[in-house]
């Protein structure tokens, strides 16, 4: 049943996410071609670049918002989601939401990676691109390990942020009135609490010429995601009684 719930949520989100990523990739290609053929002047180019920058810079926030809205409409407002599988336990519903958050975090990273590759291969000379790839192959394993760590950390932080919103929205629904305002207050309070409990001054350590992320930097978003999910489950299962 978990697989069916994940598939159900994925399809619902894909109707919004794929057009967003498609637009972002299309704008990258358009702007790159205009730069390549020296058309990088005038009103049309300015509008294209503005739309491109907005789509690229806001894609992370839009991903979070759409996943959170899916949680809100599906579980808290009960718009057809629970009727899809009433016997399923609350924790299974929440797990499906968290897994979908992870899936879309990876999809976000892939979409941004495609945009970078399109820009590189379109704007730069092919010989320069090949030379850049040759240079990348000469780098040691430490470089790629650091790059992988940064990508993994970004994915974990995105999932952690989404789980935080799940918990805050659930807590907001404990109130009879001003539920969205209460949820917003919970979001701010939870972020402040995280900064207070887990300051960022200790997260980097250095080994020679390369910098490596401290293991705690990965443990923290994993731990917090679990805590936020547990809080969400406790509220939905024990207080809101949504099953």
C-alpha atoms as a PDB file:
ATOM      1  CA  UNK A   1       0.000   0.000   0.000  1.00  0.00           C
ATOM      2  CA  UNK A   2       2.905   2.354   0.678  1.00  0.00           C
ATOM      3  CA  UNK A   3       3.954   2.058  -2.966  1.00  0.00           C
ATOM      4  CA  UNK A   4       0.432   2.935  -4.143  1.00  0.00           C
ATOM      5  CA  UNK A   5       0.345   6.005  -1.916  1.00  0.00           C
ATOM      6  CA  UNK A   6       3.752   7.169  -3.170  1.00  0.00           C
ATOM      7  CA  UNK A   7       2.636   6.659  -6.776  1.00  0.00           C
ATOM      8  CA  UNK A   8      -0.628   8.510  -6.109  1.00  0.00           C
ATOM      9  CA  UNK A   9       1.161  11.498  -4.582  1.00  0.00           C
ATOM     10  CA  UNK A  10       3.897  11.486  -7.230  1.00  0.00           C
ATOM     11  CA  UNK A  11       1.381  11.708 -10.058  1.00  0.00           C
ATOM     12  CA  UNK A  12      -0.519  14.508  -8.338  1.00  0.00           C
ATOM     13  CA  UNK A  13       2.659  16.542  -7.809  1.00  0.00           C
ATOM     14  CA  UNK A  14       4.059  15.753 -11.265  1.00  0.00           C
ATOM     15  CA  UNK A  15       1.209  17.709 -12.878  1.00  0.00           C
ATOM     16  CA  UNK A  16       2.709  20.870 -11.380  1.00  0.00           C
ATOM     17  CA  UNK A  17       6.386  20.014 -10.973  1.00  0.00           C
ATOM     18  CA  UNK A  18       7.200  18.738 -14.469  1.00  0.00           C
ATOM     19  CA  UNK A  19       5.815  21.867 -16.195  1.00  0.00           C
ATOM     20  CA  UNK A  20       7.870  23.991 -13.768  1.00  0.00           C
ATOM     21  CA  UNK A  21      11.088  22.080 -14.483  1.00  0.00           C
ATOM     22  CA  UNK A  22      10.268  22.040 -18.192  1.00  0.00           C
ATOM     23  CA  UNK A  23       9.872  25.819 -18.186  1.00  0.00           C
ATOM     24  CA  UNK A  24      13.143  26.237 -16.320  1.00  0.00           C
ATOM     25  CA  UNK A  25      14.999  24.031 -18.827  1.00  0.00           C
ATOM     26  CA  UNK A  26      13.348  25.735 -21.824  1.00  0.00           C
ATOM     27  CA  UNK A  27      14.288  29.209 -20.549  1.00  0.00           C
ATOM     28  CA  UNK A  28      17.857  28.004 -19.991  1.00  0.00           C
ATOM     29  CA  UNK A  29      18.039  26.814 -23.597  1.00  0.00           C
ATOM     30  CA  UNK A  30      16.492  30.011 -24.985  1.00  0.00           C
ATOM     31  CA  UNK A  31      18.813  32.321 -23.047  1.00  0.00           C
ATOM     32  CA  UNK A  32      21.841  30.185 -23.836  1.00  0.00           C
ATOM     33  CA  UNK A  33      21.079  30.229 -27.580  1.00  0.00           C
ATOM     34  CA  UNK A  34      20.569  33.998 -27.527  1.00  0.00           C
ATOM     35  CA  UNK A  35      23.945  34.430 -25.850  1.00  0.00           C
ATOM     36  CA  UNK A  36      25.558  31.957 -28.234  1.00  0.00           C
ATOM     37  CA  UNK A  37      24.319  33.813 -31.348  1.00  0.00           C
ATOM     38  CA  UNK A  38      25.037  37.292 -29.936  1.00  0.00           C
ATOM     39  CA  UNK A  39      21.366  38.153 -29.441  1.00  0.00           C
ATOM     40  CA  UNK A  40      21.984  39.132 -25.818  1.00  0.00           C
ATOM     41  CA  UNK A  41      20.612  42.641 -26.181  1.00  0.00           C
ATOM     42  CA  UNK A  42      17.229  44.274 -26.186  1.00  0.00           C
ATOM     43  CA  UNK A  43      13.932  43.943 -24.381  1.00  0.00           C
ATOM     44  CA  UNK A  44      13.187  40.314 -25.328  1.00  0.00           C
ATOM     45  CA  UNK A  45      16.531  39.122 -24.013  1.00  0.00           C
ATOM     46  CA  UNK A  46      16.087  41.092 -20.801  1.00  0.00           C
ATOM     47  CA  UNK A  47      12.658  39.581 -20.162  1.00  0.00           C
ATOM     48  CA  UNK A  48      13.945  36.092 -20.990  1.00  0.00           C
ATOM     49  CA  UNK A  49      16.880  36.407 -18.600  1.00  0.00           C
ATOM     50  CA  UNK A  50      14.650  37.806 -15.857  1.00  0.00           C
ATOM     51  CA  UNK A  51      12.201  34.895 -16.207  1.00  0.00           C
ATOM     52  CA  UNK A  52      15.124  32.457 -16.297  1.00  0.00           C
ATOM     53  CA  UNK A  53      16.685  33.855 -13.114  1.00  0.00           C
ATOM     54  CA  UNK A  54      13.335  33.861 -11.309  1.00  0.00           C
ATOM     55  CA  UNK A  55      12.588  30.261 -12.307  1.00  0.00           C
ATOM     56  CA  UNK A  56      16.043  29.047 -11.270  1.00  0.00           C
ATOM     57  CA  UNK A  57      16.185  30.936  -7.972  1.00  0.00           C
ATOM     58  CA  UNK A  58      12.636  30.097  -6.896  1.00  0.00           C
ATOM     59  CA  UNK A  59      12.574  26.430  -7.916  1.00  0.00           C
ATOM     60  CA  UNK A  60      13.714  25.276  -4.454  1.00  0.00           C
ATOM     61  CA  UNK A  61      10.994  27.285  -2.685  1.00  0.00           C
ATOM     62  CA  UNK A  62       8.317  26.218  -5.183  1.00  0.00           C
ATOM     63  CA  UNK A  63       9.253  22.557  -4.682  1.00  0.00           C
ATOM     64  CA  UNK A  64       8.825  22.929  -0.919  1.00  0.00           C
ATOM     65  CA  UNK A  65       5.538  24.833  -1.281  1.00  0.00           C
ATOM     66  CA  UNK A  66       3.937  22.346  -3.681  1.00  0.00           C
ATOM     67  CA  UNK A  67       4.937  19.313  -1.589  1.00  0.00           C
ATOM     68  CA  UNK A  68       3.652  20.992   1.571  1.00  0.00           C
ATOM     69  CA  UNK A  69       0.389  22.004  -0.116  1.00  0.00           C
ATOM     70  CA  UNK A  70      -0.082  18.395  -1.181  1.00  0.00           C
ATOM     71  CA  UNK A  71       0.280  17.361   2.444  1.00  0.00           C
ATOM     72  CA  UNK A  72      -2.124  20.087   3.576  1.00  0.00           C
ATOM     73  CA  UNK A  73      -4.827  19.332   1.018  1.00  0.00           C
ATOM     74  CA  UNK A  74      -4.437  15.569   1.237  1.00  0.00           C
ATOM     75  CA  UNK A  75      -4.239  14.896   4.965  1.00  0.00           C
ATOM     76  CA  UNK A  76      -5.362  17.984   6.852  1.00  0.00           C
ATOM     77  CA  UNK A  77      -8.216  19.056   4.543  1.00  0.00           C
ATOM     78  CA  UNK A  78      -8.995  15.445   3.559  1.00  0.00           C
ATOM     79  CA  UNK A  79      -9.683  16.279  -0.096  1.00  0.00           C
ATOM     80  CA  UNK A  80     -10.018  12.790  -1.487  1.00  0.00           C
ATOM     81  CA  UNK A  81      -6.672  11.451  -0.282  1.00  0.00           C
ATOM     82  CA  UNK A  82      -7.721   9.485   2.777  1.00  0.00           C
ATOM     83  CA  UNK A  83     -10.760   8.112   0.968  1.00  0.00           C
ATOM     84  CA  UNK A  84      -8.268   6.539  -1.451  1.00  0.00           C
ATOM     85  CA  UNK A  85      -7.023   4.189   1.259  1.00  0.00           C
ATOM     86  CA  UNK A  86      -8.875   4.478   4.524  1.00  0.00           C
ATOM     87  CA  UNK A  87      -7.422   1.326   6.186  1.00  0.00           C
ATOM     88  CA  UNK A  88      -3.885   2.678   5.886  1.00  0.00           C
ATOM     89  CA  UNK A  89      -2.319   3.846   9.139  1.00  0.00           C
ATOM     90  CA  UNK A  90      -1.381   7.471   9.694  1.00  0.00           C
ATOM     91  CA  UNK A  91       2.334   6.685   9.811  1.00  0.00           C
ATOM     92  CA  UNK A  92       2.107   5.113   6.342  1.00  0.00           C
ATOM     93  CA  UNK A  93       0.509   8.262   4.943  1.00  0.00           C
ATOM     94  CA  UNK A  94       3.230  10.404   6.507  1.00  0.00           C
ATOM     95  CA  UNK A  95       5.998   8.078   5.286  1.00  0.00           C
ATOM     96  CA  UNK A  96       4.604   8.325   1.751  1.00  0.00           C
ATOM     97  CA  UNK A  97       4.721  12.125   1.991  1.00  0.00           C
ATOM     98  CA  UNK A  98       8.308  12.125   3.281  1.00  0.00           C
ATOM     99  CA  UNK A  99       9.480   9.708   0.565  1.00  0.00           C
ATOM    100  CA  UNK A 100       7.846  11.889  -2.081  1.00  0.00           C
ATOM    101  CA  UNK A 101       9.623  14.896  -0.596  1.00  0.00           C
ATOM    102  CA  UNK A 102      12.916  13.020  -1.021  1.00  0.00           C
ATOM    103  CA  UNK A 103      12.025  12.070  -4.599  1.00  0.00           C
ATOM    104  CA  UNK A 104      11.257  15.656  -5.554  1.00  0.00           C
ATOM    105  CA  UNK A 105      14.404  16.897  -3.833  1.00  0.00           C
ATOM    106  CA  UNK A 106      16.391  14.610  -6.154  1.00  0.00           C
ATOM    107  CA  UNK A 107      14.301  15.720  -9.150  1.00  0.00           C
ATOM    108  CA  UNK A 108      15.050  19.349  -8.260  1.00  0.00           C
ATOM    109  CA  UNK A 109      18.782  18.613  -8.224  1.00  0.00           C
ATOM    110  CA  UNK A 110      18.551  16.806 -11.578  1.00  0.00           C
ATOM    111  CA  UNK A 111      16.643  19.676 -13.182  1.00  0.00           C
ATOM    112  CA  UNK A 112      19.239  22.196 -12.014  1.00  0.00           C
ATOM    113  CA  UNK A 113      22.020  19.910 -13.254  1.00  0.00           C
ATOM    114  CA  UNK A 114      20.415  19.687 -16.702  1.00  0.00           C
ATOM    115  CA  UNK A 115      20.200  23.491 -16.835  1.00  0.00           C
ATOM    116  CA  UNK A 116      23.896  23.805 -16.007  1.00  0.00           C
ATOM    117  CA  UNK A 117      24.853  21.301 -18.719  1.00  0.00           C
ATOM    118  CA  UNK A 118      22.647  23.008 -21.323  1.00  0.00           C
ATOM    119  CA  UNK A 119      24.214  26.368 -20.566  1.00  0.00           C
ATOM    120  CA  UNK A 120      27.750  24.964 -20.651  1.00  0.00           C
ATOM    121  CA  UNK A 121      27.362  23.100 -23.952  1.00  0.00           C
ATOM    122  CA  UNK A 122      25.428  25.919 -25.657  1.00  0.00           C
ATOM    123  CA  UNK A 123      27.346  29.030 -24.645  1.00  0.00           C
ATOM    124  CA  UNK A 124      30.892  27.714 -24.468  1.00  0.00           C
ATOM    125  CA  UNK A 125      32.942  26.545 -27.396  1.00  0.00           C
ATOM    126  CA  UNK A 126      32.854  22.764 -27.783  1.00  0.00           C
ATOM    127  CA  UNK A 127      36.640  22.550 -27.497  1.00  0.00           C
ATOM    128  CA  UNK A 128      36.506  24.550 -24.264  1.00  0.00           C
ATOM    129  CA  UNK A 129      33.856  22.206 -22.901  1.00  0.00           C
ATOM    130  CA  UNK A 130      35.941  19.154 -23.763  1.00  0.00           C
ATOM    131  CA  UNK A 131      38.968  20.763 -22.147  1.00  0.00           C
ATOM    132  CA  UNK A 132      36.920  21.427 -19.014  1.00  0.00           C
ATOM    133  CA  UNK A 133      35.860  17.781 -18.884  1.00  0.00           C
ATOM    134  CA  UNK A 134      39.479  16.693 -19.254  1.00  0.00           C
ATOM    135  CA  UNK A 135      40.369  18.955 -16.350  1.00  0.00           C
ATOM    136  CA  UNK A 136      37.591  17.438 -14.220  1.00  0.00           C
ATOM    137  CA  UNK A 137      38.986  13.962 -14.836  1.00  0.00           C
ATOM    138  CA  UNK A 138      42.373  15.092 -13.519  1.00  0.00           C
ATOM    139  CA  UNK A 139      40.930  16.122 -10.140  1.00  0.00           C
ATOM    140  CA  UNK A 140      41.410  13.782  -7.206  1.00  0.00           C
ATOM    141  CA  UNK A 141      38.682  11.861  -5.397  1.00  0.00           C
ATOM    142  CA  UNK A 142      38.528  14.451  -2.599  1.00  0.00           C
ATOM    143  CA  UNK A 143      36.968  16.990  -4.955  1.00  0.00           C
ATOM    144  CA  UNK A 144      34.174  14.641  -6.016  1.00  0.00           C
ATOM    145  CA  UNK A 145      33.623  13.528  -2.442  1.00  0.00           C
ATOM    146  CA  UNK A 146      33.147  17.136  -1.372  1.00  0.00           C
ATOM    147  CA  UNK A 147      30.798  17.754  -4.312  1.00  0.00           C
ATOM    148  CA  UNK A 148      28.758  14.675  -3.427  1.00  0.00           C
ATOM    149  CA  UNK A 149      28.583  15.778   0.200  1.00  0.00           C
ATOM    150  CA  UNK A 150      27.219  19.181  -0.781  1.00  0.00           C
ATOM    151  CA  UNK A 151      24.570  17.624  -3.041  1.00  0.00           C
ATOM    152  CA  UNK A 152      23.576  15.138  -0.340  1.00  0.00           C
ATOM    153  CA  UNK A 153      23.403  17.871   2.278  1.00  0.00           C
ATOM    154  CA  UNK A 154      21.188  20.023   0.058  1.00  0.00           C
ATOM    155  CA  UNK A 155      18.810  17.093  -0.486  1.00  0.00           C
ATOM    156  CA  UNK A 156      18.633  16.319   3.244  1.00  0.00           C
ATOM    157  CA  UNK A 157      18.034  19.968   4.115  1.00  0.00           C
ATOM    158  CA  UNK A 158      15.190  20.180   1.598  1.00  0.00           C
ATOM    159  CA  UNK A 159      13.521  17.097   3.060  1.00  0.00           C
ATOM    160  CA  UNK A 160      14.076  18.436   6.589  1.00  0.00           C
ATOM    161  CA  UNK A 161      12.428  21.748   5.687  1.00  0.00           C
ATOM    162  CA  UNK A 162       9.415  19.943   4.230  1.00  0.00           C
ATOM    163  CA  UNK A 163       9.068  17.751   7.346  1.00  0.00           C
ATOM    164  CA  UNK A 164       9.226  20.893   9.485  1.00  0.00           C
ATOM    165  CA  UNK A 165       6.308  22.373   7.548  1.00  0.00           C
ATOM    166  CA  UNK A 166       4.378  19.105   7.961  1.00  0.00           C
ATOM    167  CA  UNK A 167       4.788  19.316  11.730  1.00  0.00           C
ATOM    168  CA  UNK A 168       3.953  23.038  11.879  1.00  0.00           C
ATOM    169  CA  UNK A 169       0.784  22.648   9.778  1.00  0.00           C
ATOM    170  CA  UNK A 170      -0.332  19.723  11.916  1.00  0.00           C
ATOM    171  CA  UNK A 171       0.273  21.715  15.110  1.00  0.00           C
ATOM    172  CA  UNK A 172      -1.629  24.656  13.668  1.00  0.00           C
ATOM    173  CA  UNK A 173      -4.672  22.432  13.176  1.00  0.00           C
ATOM    174  CA  UNK A 174      -4.863  21.863  16.915  1.00  0.00           C
ATOM    175  CA  UNK A 175      -6.425  25.342  17.121  1.00  0.00           C
ATOM    176  CA  UNK A 176     -10.058  25.974  16.256  1.00  0.00           C
ATOM    177  CA  UNK A 177      -9.348  29.384  14.707  1.00  0.00           C
ATOM    178  CA  UNK A 178      -6.470  31.041  12.813  1.00  0.00           C
ATOM    179  CA  UNK A 179      -4.922  27.692  11.982  1.00  0.00           C
ATOM    180  CA  UNK A 180      -2.680  29.029   9.187  1.00  0.00           C
ATOM    181  CA  UNK A 181      -1.438  31.867  11.384  1.00  0.00           C
ATOM    182  CA  UNK A 182      -0.659  29.399  14.163  1.00  0.00           C
ATOM    183  CA  UNK A 183       1.182  27.176  11.678  1.00  0.00           C
ATOM    184  CA  UNK A 184       3.260  30.150  10.517  1.00  0.00           C
ATOM    185  CA  UNK A 185       4.188  30.973  14.100  1.00  0.00           C
ATOM    186  CA  UNK A 186       5.204  27.351  14.660  1.00  0.00           C
ATOM    187  CA  UNK A 187       7.416  27.437  11.538  1.00  0.00           C
ATOM    188  CA  UNK A 188       9.269  30.540  12.757  1.00  0.00           C
ATOM    189  CA  UNK A 189       9.577  29.192  16.301  1.00  0.00           C
ATOM    190  CA  UNK A 190      10.904  25.828  15.101  1.00  0.00           C
ATOM    191  CA  UNK A 191      13.509  27.458  12.857  1.00  0.00           C
ATOM    192  CA  UNK A 192      14.668  29.699  15.710  1.00  0.00           C
ATOM    193  CA  UNK A 193      14.862  26.676  18.009  1.00  0.00           C
ATOM    194  CA  UNK A 194      16.976  24.826  15.462  1.00  0.00           C
ATOM    195  CA  UNK A 195      19.425  27.717  15.107  1.00  0.00           C
ATOM    196  CA  UNK A 196      19.663  27.980  18.886  1.00  0.00           C
ATOM    197  CA  UNK A 197      20.188  24.256  19.479  1.00  0.00           C
ATOM    198  CA  UNK A 198      22.394  23.563  16.448  1.00  0.00           C
ATOM    199  CA  UNK A 199      24.609  26.588  15.715  1.00  0.00           C
ATOM    200  CA  UNK A 200      26.558  26.365  12.462  1.00  0.00           C
ATOM    201  CA  UNK A 201      29.976  27.376  13.857  1.00  0.00           C
ATOM    202  CA  UNK A 202      31.081  23.746  14.291  1.00  0.00           C
ATOM    203  CA  UNK A 203      29.975  22.216  11.015  1.00  0.00           C
ATOM    204  CA  UNK A 204      33.226  22.450   8.998  1.00  0.00           C
ATOM    205  CA  UNK A 205      36.521  20.718   9.516  1.00  0.00           C
ATOM    206  CA  UNK A 206      39.551  20.866   7.246  1.00  0.00           C
ATOM    207  CA  UNK A 207      41.916  18.182   6.003  1.00  0.00           C
ATOM    208  CA  UNK A 208      44.822  19.637   4.048  1.00  0.00           C
ATOM    209  CA  UNK A 209      43.744  21.591   0.974  1.00  0.00           C
ATOM    210  CA  UNK A 210      40.182  20.241   0.798  1.00  0.00           C
ATOM    211  CA  UNK A 211      37.306  21.025   3.128  1.00  0.00           C
ATOM    212  CA  UNK A 212      35.034  18.253   4.324  1.00  0.00           C
ATOM    213  CA  UNK A 213      31.634  18.587   5.906  1.00  0.00           C
ATOM    214  CA  UNK A 214      31.437  17.515   9.505  1.00  0.00           C
ATOM    215  CA  UNK A 215      29.373  14.299   9.932  1.00  0.00           C
ATOM    216  CA  UNK A 216      27.066  16.118  12.335  1.00  0.00           C
ATOM    217  CA  UNK A 217      25.931  18.297   9.462  1.00  0.00           C
ATOM    218  CA  UNK A 218      24.279  15.230   7.915  1.00  0.00           C
ATOM    219  CA  UNK A 219      23.035  13.779  11.182  1.00  0.00           C
ATOM    220  CA  UNK A 220      21.197  16.955  12.185  1.00  0.00           C
ATOM    221  CA  UNK A 221      18.737  17.152   9.245  1.00  0.00           C
ATOM    222  CA  UNK A 222      18.184  13.389   9.430  1.00  0.00           C
ATOM    223  CA  UNK A 223      17.476  13.555  13.161  1.00  0.00           C
ATOM    224  CA  UNK A 224      15.230  16.600  12.825  1.00  0.00           C
ATOM    225  CA  UNK A 225      13.314  15.041   9.915  1.00  0.00           C
ATOM    226  CA  UNK A 226      12.596  12.042  12.141  1.00  0.00           C
ATOM    227  CA  UNK A 227      11.503  14.261  15.034  1.00  0.00           C
ATOM    228  CA  UNK A 228       9.259  16.408  12.832  1.00  0.00           C
ATOM    229  CA  UNK A 229       7.695  13.274  11.309  1.00  0.00           C
ATOM    230  CA  UNK A 230       7.099  11.821  14.772  1.00  0.00           C
ATOM    231  CA  UNK A 231       5.434  15.057  15.900  1.00  0.00           C
ATOM    232  CA  UNK A 232       3.254  15.036  12.776  1.00  0.00           C
ATOM    233  CA  UNK A 233       2.231  11.434  13.378  1.00  0.00           C
ATOM    234  CA  UNK A 234       1.447  12.068  17.060  1.00  0.00           C
ATOM    235  CA  UNK A 235      -0.790  15.046  16.271  1.00  0.00           C
ATOM    236  CA  UNK A 236      -2.622  13.448  13.337  1.00  0.00           C
ATOM    237  CA  UNK A 237      -3.076  10.052  14.968  1.00  0.00           C
ATOM    238  CA  UNK A 238      -3.747  10.987  18.586  1.00  0.00           C
ATOM    239  CA  UNK A 239      -5.329  14.448  18.449  1.00  0.00           C
ATOM    240  CA  UNK A 240      -6.832  15.130  15.033  1.00  0.00           C
ATOM    241  CA  UNK A 241      -8.000  11.530  14.499  1.00  0.00           C
ATOM    242  CA  UNK A 242      -7.804  11.652  10.694  1.00  0.00           C
ATOM    243  CA  UNK A 243      -7.901   7.910  10.085  1.00  0.00           C
END
